[in-house]
Amino acid sequence: MTRLQEHLLTQRLLALFAAGWLLWDFPLLRLWTSDATVFGLPLLPVALFGAWALLIALLARLMEGRPEG
């Protein structure tokens, strides 16, 4: 892995961390607090688990794309 590729990966991982931090920040969490449901489940837990799954999928995509060694 070249130095430029390592730098880009570091930047992308930091951006993913910042996105995750913002997703679970209190002002944005208030957007999901309502009486709405998704398939009979409250909106807040569905949104939290959906965002969590999305972050895990993006992290897996970033880490699987890098060459070994």
N, C-alpha and C. Protein backbone atom coordinates (compact mmCIF):
# COMPACT_ATOMS: atom_id res chain seq x y z
N MET A 1 0.86 -1.17 0.00
CA MET A 1 0.00 0.00 0.00
C MET A 1 0.91 1.24 0.00
N THR A 2 0.65 2.13 -0.92
CA THR A 2 1.47 3.33 -1.00
C THR A 2 1.07 4.32 0.10
N ARG A 3 1.92 5.28 0.27
CA ARG A 3 1.67 6.30 1.30
C ARG A 3 0.39 7.08 0.99
N LEU A 4 0.14 7.36 -0.28
CA LEU A 4 -1.07 8.08 -0.67
C LEU A 4 -2.32 7.25 -0.36
N GLN A 5 -2.27 5.95 -0.65
CA GLN A 5 -3.41 5.09 -0.36
C GLN A 5 -3.67 5.00 1.15
N GLU A 6 -2.60 4.94 1.93
CA GLU A 6 -2.77 4.92 3.38
C GLU A 6 -3.39 6.22 3.87
N HIS A 7 -2.96 7.33 3.30
CA HIS A 7 -3.50 8.63 3.69
C HIS A 7 -4.99 8.73 3.35
N LEU A 8 -5.36 8.26 2.16
CA LEU A 8 -6.77 8.28 1.75
C LEU A 8 -7.63 7.38 2.64
N LEU A 9 -7.09 6.21 2.97
CA LEU A 9 -7.83 5.29 3.85
C LEU A 9 -8.02 5.92 5.23
N THR A 10 -6.99 6.56 5.74
CA THR A 10 -7.09 7.23 7.03
C THR A 10 -8.15 8.32 7.00
N GLN A 11 -8.15 9.11 5.94
CA GLN A 11 -9.15 10.18 5.82
C GLN A 11 -10.56 9.60 5.74
N ARG A 12 -10.73 8.53 4.99
CA ARG A 12 -12.06 7.92 4.86
C ARG A 12 -12.54 7.33 6.17
N LEU A 13 -11.63 6.70 6.91
CA LEU A 13 -12.00 6.13 8.21
C LEU A 13 -12.38 7.24 9.20
N LEU A 14 -11.64 8.33 9.18
CA LEU A 14 -11.98 9.45 10.05
C LEU A 14 -13.33 10.07 9.67
N ALA A 15 -13.61 10.16 8.38
CA ALA A 15 -14.90 10.68 7.93
C ALA A 15 -16.03 9.74 8.36
N LEU A 16 -15.80 8.45 8.28
CA LEU A 16 -16.81 7.48 8.72
C LEU A 16 -17.05 7.59 10.22
N PHE A 17 -15.99 7.77 10.99
CA PHE A 17 -16.12 7.98 12.42
C PHE A 17 -16.94 9.23 12.72
N ALA A 18 -16.64 10.32 12.01
CA ALA A 18 -17.37 11.57 12.22
C ALA A 18 -18.85 11.41 11.86
N ALA A 19 -19.13 10.68 10.79
CA ALA A 19 -20.52 10.44 10.40
C ALA A 19 -21.24 9.64 11.48
N GLY A 20 -20.58 8.62 12.02
CA GLY A 20 -21.18 7.83 13.10
C GLY A 20 -21.41 8.67 14.34
N TRP A 21 -20.46 9.52 14.65
CA TRP A 21 -20.60 10.40 15.82
C TRP A 21 -21.82 11.30 15.64
N LEU A 22 -21.97 11.88 14.45
CA LEU A 22 -23.09 12.77 14.19
C LEU A 22 -24.43 12.03 14.19
N LEU A 23 -24.44 10.79 13.70
CA LEU A 23 -25.68 10.02 13.67
C LEU A 23 -26.23 9.76 15.07
N TRP A 24 -25.33 9.60 16.04
CA TRP A 24 -25.77 9.33 17.40
C TRP A 24 -25.68 10.55 18.31
N ASP A 25 -25.58 11.72 17.74
CA ASP A 25 -25.57 12.95 18.50
C ASP A 25 -27.01 13.30 18.88
N PHE A 26 -27.19 13.88 20.06
CA PHE A 26 -28.54 14.09 20.58
C PHE A 26 -29.45 14.93 19.66
N PRO A 27 -28.99 16.06 19.10
CA PRO A 27 -29.92 16.83 18.25
C PRO A 27 -30.47 16.02 17.07
N LEU A 28 -29.64 15.18 16.47
CA LEU A 28 -30.14 14.36 15.35
C LEU A 28 -31.01 13.21 15.84
N LEU A 29 -30.72 12.70 17.02
CA LEU A 29 -31.58 11.63 17.56
C LEU A 29 -32.99 12.13 17.83
N ARG A 30 -33.12 13.40 18.16
CA ARG A 30 -34.46 13.96 18.41
C ARG A 30 -35.32 13.93 17.15
N LEU A 31 -34.71 13.91 15.97
CA LEU A 31 -35.48 13.83 14.73
C LEU A 31 -36.25 12.52 14.63
N TRP A 32 -35.73 11.47 15.25
CA TRP A 32 -36.34 10.15 15.14
C TRP A 32 -37.34 9.85 16.24
N THR A 33 -37.45 10.73 17.24
CA THR A 33 -38.41 10.48 18.32
C THR A 33 -39.79 10.95 17.90
N SER A 34 -40.61 10.00 17.57
CA SER A 34 -42.00 10.30 17.20
C SER A 34 -42.83 9.05 17.47
N ASP A 35 -44.11 9.15 17.22
CA ASP A 35 -45.00 8.01 17.42
C ASP A 35 -45.09 7.13 16.18
N ALA A 36 -44.31 7.45 15.16
CA ALA A 36 -44.34 6.67 13.92
C ALA A 36 -43.75 5.28 14.15
N THR A 37 -44.20 4.33 13.34
CA THR A 37 -43.68 2.97 13.42
C THR A 37 -43.27 2.49 12.04
N VAL A 38 -42.36 1.52 12.03
CA VAL A 38 -41.93 0.86 10.80
C VAL A 38 -42.16 -0.63 11.02
N PHE A 39 -43.11 -1.20 10.30
CA PHE A 39 -43.49 -2.60 10.47
C PHE A 39 -43.86 -2.92 11.92
N GLY A 40 -44.49 -1.96 12.57
CA GLY A 40 -44.94 -2.15 13.94
C GLY A 40 -43.88 -1.85 15.00
N LEU A 41 -42.69 -1.48 14.59
CA LEU A 41 -41.61 -1.16 15.52
C LEU A 41 -41.46 0.35 15.63
N PRO A 42 -41.10 0.85 16.80
CA PRO A 42 -40.90 2.30 16.94
C PRO A 42 -39.78 2.79 16.03
N LEU A 43 -39.89 4.01 15.55
CA LEU A 43 -38.97 4.56 14.57
C LEU A 43 -37.55 4.71 15.12
N LEU A 44 -37.38 5.12 16.36
CA LEU A 44 -36.05 5.37 16.92
C LEU A 44 -35.15 4.14 16.89
N PRO A 45 -35.56 2.98 17.43
CA PRO A 45 -34.68 1.82 17.37
C PRO A 45 -34.39 1.35 15.94
N VAL A 46 -35.39 1.46 15.07
CA VAL A 46 -35.18 1.05 13.68
C VAL A 46 -34.14 1.95 13.03
N ALA A 47 -34.23 3.25 13.28
CA ALA A 47 -33.26 4.19 12.71
C ALA A 47 -31.86 3.95 13.28
N LEU A 48 -31.77 3.70 14.58
CA LEU A 48 -30.46 3.46 15.19
C LEU A 48 -29.81 2.20 14.64
N PHE A 49 -30.56 1.11 14.58
CA PHE A 49 -29.99 -0.13 14.07
C PHE A 49 -29.71 -0.04 12.57
N GLY A 50 -30.53 0.69 11.83
CA GLY A 50 -30.27 0.90 10.40
C GLY A 50 -29.00 1.69 10.17
N ALA A 51 -28.80 2.75 10.94
CA ALA A 51 -27.58 3.56 10.81
C ALA A 51 -26.37 2.74 11.23
N TRP A 52 -26.51 1.95 12.27
CA TRP A 52 -25.41 1.11 12.74
C TRP A 52 -25.03 0.09 11.66
N ALA A 53 -26.02 -0.55 11.06
CA ALA A 53 -25.75 -1.52 10.00
C ALA A 53 -25.08 -0.83 8.80
N LEU A 54 -25.53 0.37 8.47
CA LEU A 54 -24.93 1.10 7.36
C LEU A 54 -23.47 1.43 7.65
N LEU A 55 -23.17 1.87 8.87
CA LEU A 55 -21.77 2.16 9.22
C LEU A 55 -20.91 0.91 9.17
N ILE A 56 -21.42 -0.21 9.62
CA ILE A 56 -20.66 -1.46 9.57
C ILE A 56 -20.42 -1.88 8.12
N ALA A 57 -21.43 -1.73 7.27
CA ALA A 57 -21.26 -2.09 5.87
C ALA A 57 -20.23 -1.19 5.18
N LEU A 58 -20.26 0.10 5.47
CA LEU A 58 -19.28 1.02 4.89
C LEU A 58 -17.87 0.72 5.39
N LEU A 59 -17.75 0.40 6.66
CA LEU A 59 -16.44 0.05 7.22
C LEU A 59 -15.91 -1.23 6.58
N ALA A 60 -16.76 -2.22 6.41
CA ALA A 60 -16.35 -3.47 5.77
C ALA A 60 -15.90 -3.21 4.33
N ARG A 61 -16.63 -2.36 3.64
CA ARG A 61 -16.25 -2.02 2.25
C ARG A 61 -14.89 -1.35 2.20
N LEU A 62 -14.64 -0.42 3.12
CA LEU A 62 -13.35 0.25 3.16
C LEU A 62 -12.21 -0.72 3.47
N MET A 63 -12.42 -1.58 4.44
CA MET A 63 -11.34 -2.46 4.89
C MET A 63 -11.12 -3.64 3.94
N GLU A 64 -12.12 -4.12 3.26
CA GLU A 64 -11.96 -5.23 2.34
C GLU A 64 -11.29 -4.79 1.04
N GLY A 65 -11.38 -3.51 0.74
CA GLY A 65 -10.79 -3.03 -0.51
C GLY A 65 -9.31 -2.78 -0.44
N ARG A 66 -8.72 -2.82 0.76
CA ARG A 66 -7.29 -2.52 0.86
C ARG A 66 -6.47 -3.78 0.70
N PRO A 67 -5.34 -3.68 0.01
CA PRO A 67 -4.49 -4.87 -0.19
C PRO A 67 -3.74 -5.25 1.08
N GLU A 68 -3.42 -6.51 1.20
CA GLU A 68 -2.68 -7.01 2.36
C GLU A 68 -1.20 -6.64 2.24
N GLY A 69 -0.59 -6.47 3.39
CA GLY A 69 0.85 -6.34 3.44
C GLY A 69 1.40 -5.01 3.18
